[in-house]
Amino acid sequence: MHRIPAVLLCLAISSATFAADDGRIVKTATYPQTKGIAVVAEGDLEPRSIGSYSLRLYAKNDPAFPYDDFIAGIVRPRDGSIESIRFADLDRDGMPEIVVVMRAAGSGGFLSADAFRFQASSLTLLTSVSGIEGDGDPLRALASKIDKR
């Protein structure tokens, strides 16, 4: 009986990747700014190589129910599959941005990334990059693009 809340707590604290029944990818990670949970998921019923994804934030009030307190969310197009969700202070304002990294299907395996700012209980797209070499650093590319503005 006490194992289920402990398992849910462990899943909420660590980054995790899940495959839904239809094969889409769902990733979770603890968001450092709020200590809440960030969830990124490929769109329902879409192909793995192209479509959309959602980014959602949840407050972490009750470890037994980590997804009960929705804060904010956004849906974006994607060209590729979700590779990771990361956090970095790209604009050096002291607050980490949420970064969703995608890898394109095909022989190049090029990366793209979207950076989001969480502020006043809402998510906004800060910037995005695409066409990064497969072994490149999407965080560096995003920070460079922000610096040029």
Protein backbone atom coordinates (compact mmCIF):
# COMPACT_ATOMS: atom_id res chain seq x y z
CA MET A 1 0.00 0.00 0.00
CA HIS A 2 2.82 2.43 0.83
CA ARG A 3 4.89 1.43 -2.19
CA ILE A 4 2.79 3.25 -4.78
CA PRO A 5 3.36 6.79 -3.40
CA ALA A 6 7.09 6.04 -3.05
CA VAL A 7 7.28 4.87 -6.65
CA LEU A 8 5.43 7.96 -7.88
CA LEU A 9 7.75 10.18 -5.85
CA CYS A 10 10.82 8.55 -7.41
CA LEU A 11 9.38 9.00 -10.90
CA ALA A 12 8.61 12.67 -10.23
CA ILE A 13 12.05 13.49 -8.85
CA SER A 14 14.18 11.94 -11.56
CA SER A 15 14.05 12.53 -15.28
CA ALA A 16 12.09 9.83 -16.98
CA THR A 17 11.12 8.73 -20.46
CA PHE A 18 7.98 6.80 -21.20
CA ALA A 19 6.58 5.32 -24.38
CA ALA A 20 2.82 5.60 -24.59
CA ASP A 21 0.83 2.69 -25.99
CA ASP A 22 1.02 4.26 -29.45
CA GLY A 23 4.85 4.58 -29.25
CA ARG A 24 5.00 8.36 -28.70
CA ILE A 25 7.60 9.69 -26.30
CA VAL A 26 6.79 11.36 -22.98
CA LYS A 27 9.64 12.81 -20.88
CA THR A 28 9.51 14.30 -17.41
CA ALA A 29 12.00 16.28 -15.35
CA THR A 30 11.99 18.37 -12.18
CA TYR A 31 12.00 22.08 -13.06
CA PRO A 32 14.59 23.81 -10.84
CA GLN A 33 12.83 27.19 -10.69
CA THR A 34 9.60 25.89 -9.14
CA LYS A 35 10.64 22.40 -8.05
CA GLY A 36 7.60 21.36 -10.08
CA ILE A 37 7.48 18.83 -12.87
CA ALA A 38 7.96 19.60 -16.57
CA VAL A 39 6.42 17.13 -19.02
CA VAL A 40 7.08 17.07 -22.75
CA ALA A 41 5.07 14.69 -24.94
CA GLU A 42 4.80 14.00 -28.64
CA GLY A 43 1.31 14.52 -30.03
CA ASP A 44 -1.25 11.76 -29.83
CA LEU A 45 -1.64 9.57 -32.94
CA GLU A 46 1.17 11.40 -34.81
CA PRO A 47 4.16 9.81 -36.51
CA ARG A 48 7.37 9.80 -34.50
CA SER A 49 9.24 11.76 -37.18
CA ILE A 50 7.02 14.86 -37.44
CA GLY A 51 4.02 16.50 -35.81
CA SER A 52 3.61 18.42 -32.58
CA TYR A 53 4.58 18.27 -28.93
CA SER A 54 3.20 19.67 -25.73
CA LEU A 55 5.14 21.13 -22.83
CA ARG A 56 3.31 21.22 -19.51
CA LEU A 57 4.28 22.34 -16.00
CA TYR A 58 2.82 20.98 -12.79
CA ALA A 59 3.27 22.20 -9.21
CA LYS A 60 4.75 19.63 -6.90
CA ASN A 61 2.36 19.81 -3.98
CA ASP A 62 1.59 16.16 -3.22
CA PRO A 63 4.21 13.52 -4.16
CA ALA A 64 1.47 10.90 -4.37
CA PHE A 65 -0.27 12.92 -7.12
CA PRO A 66 2.48 14.76 -9.03
CA TYR A 67 0.30 15.74 -12.01
CA ASP A 68 -2.76 17.09 -10.18
CA ASP A 69 -1.81 20.78 -10.09
CA PHE A 70 -1.41 22.01 -13.69
CA ILE A 71 0.28 25.42 -13.97
CA ALA A 72 0.87 26.15 -17.65
CA GLY A 73 1.29 24.51 -21.04
CA ILE A 74 2.01 25.13 -24.69
CA VAL A 75 1.83 23.13 -27.96
CA ARG A 76 4.49 23.50 -30.67
CA PRO A 77 5.29 21.89 -34.03
CA ARG A 78 8.18 19.42 -34.24
CA ASP A 79 10.31 18.03 -37.04
CA GLY A 80 11.78 14.89 -35.51
CA SER A 81 11.34 13.05 -32.26
CA ILE A 82 11.74 14.44 -28.76
CA GLU A 83 15.27 13.75 -27.52
CA SER A 84 15.45 15.54 -24.18
CA ILE A 85 14.17 18.24 -21.88
CA ARG A 86 16.84 20.45 -20.30
CA PHE A 87 17.14 23.55 -18.13
CA ALA A 88 19.65 26.36 -18.65
CA ASP A 89 19.86 30.08 -17.93
CA LEU A 90 20.36 31.00 -21.59
CA ASP A 91 19.68 34.74 -21.22
CA ARG A 92 21.61 35.04 -17.94
CA ASP A 93 18.73 36.54 -15.99
CA GLY A 94 19.11 34.12 -13.08
CA MET A 95 16.13 31.97 -14.09
CA PRO A 96 16.55 28.72 -16.03
CA GLU A 97 14.76 28.39 -19.33
CA ILE A 98 13.11 25.11 -20.31
CA VAL A 99 14.67 23.62 -23.44
CA VAL A 100 13.08 20.92 -25.57
CA VAL A 101 15.58 19.20 -27.90
CA MET A 102 14.43 17.25 -30.97
CA ARG A 103 16.36 15.02 -33.36
CA ALA A 104 15.31 14.89 -37.03
CA ALA A 105 14.70 11.56 -38.69
CA GLY A 106 17.11 10.66 -41.46
CA SER A 107 20.80 10.16 -41.97
CA GLY A 108 21.91 13.58 -40.69
CA GLY A 109 20.22 13.31 -37.31
CA PHE A 110 20.16 17.11 -37.10
CA LEU A 111 19.03 18.71 -33.86
CA SER A 112 16.58 21.51 -33.23
CA ALA A 113 15.63 23.09 -29.92
CA ASP A 114 13.01 25.42 -28.47
CA ALA A 115 13.68 27.51 -25.37
CA PHE A 116 10.78 28.58 -23.16
CA ARG A 117 10.52 31.15 -20.40
CA PHE A 118 8.23 30.47 -17.45
CA GLN A 119 7.01 33.70 -15.93
CA ALA A 120 3.82 34.83 -14.21
CA SER A 121 2.29 31.34 -14.48
CA SER A 122 2.68 31.17 -18.26
CA LEU A 123 5.07 29.66 -20.78
CA THR A 124 6.33 31.70 -23.73
CA LEU A 125 8.69 30.74 -26.52
CA LEU A 126 11.95 32.64 -26.04
CA THR A 127 13.74 31.40 -29.17
CA SER A 128 14.37 28.32 -31.27
CA VAL A 129 17.16 26.90 -33.42
CA SER A 130 17.34 24.16 -36.05
CA GLY A 131 19.84 22.49 -38.35
CA ILE A 132 22.39 21.80 -35.59
CA GLU A 133 24.81 19.00 -36.40
CA GLY A 134 23.88 15.74 -34.68
CA ASP A 135 26.77 16.00 -32.22
CA GLY A 136 26.37 19.77 -31.73
CA ASP A 137 25.33 21.65 -28.60
CA PRO A 138 21.79 23.02 -28.85
CA LEU A 139 22.15 25.00 -25.60
CA ARG A 140 25.14 26.86 -26.98
CA ALA A 141 23.28 27.57 -30.23
CA LEU A 142 20.27 28.94 -28.35
CA ALA A 143 22.42 31.13 -26.06
CA SER A 144 24.31 32.47 -29.07
CA LYS A 145 21.06 33.39 -30.82
CA ILE A 146 19.82 35.20 -27.69
CA ASP A 147 23.13 37.11 -27.37
CA LYS A 148 22.80 38.40 -30.95
CA ARG A 149 19.45 40.06 -30.26
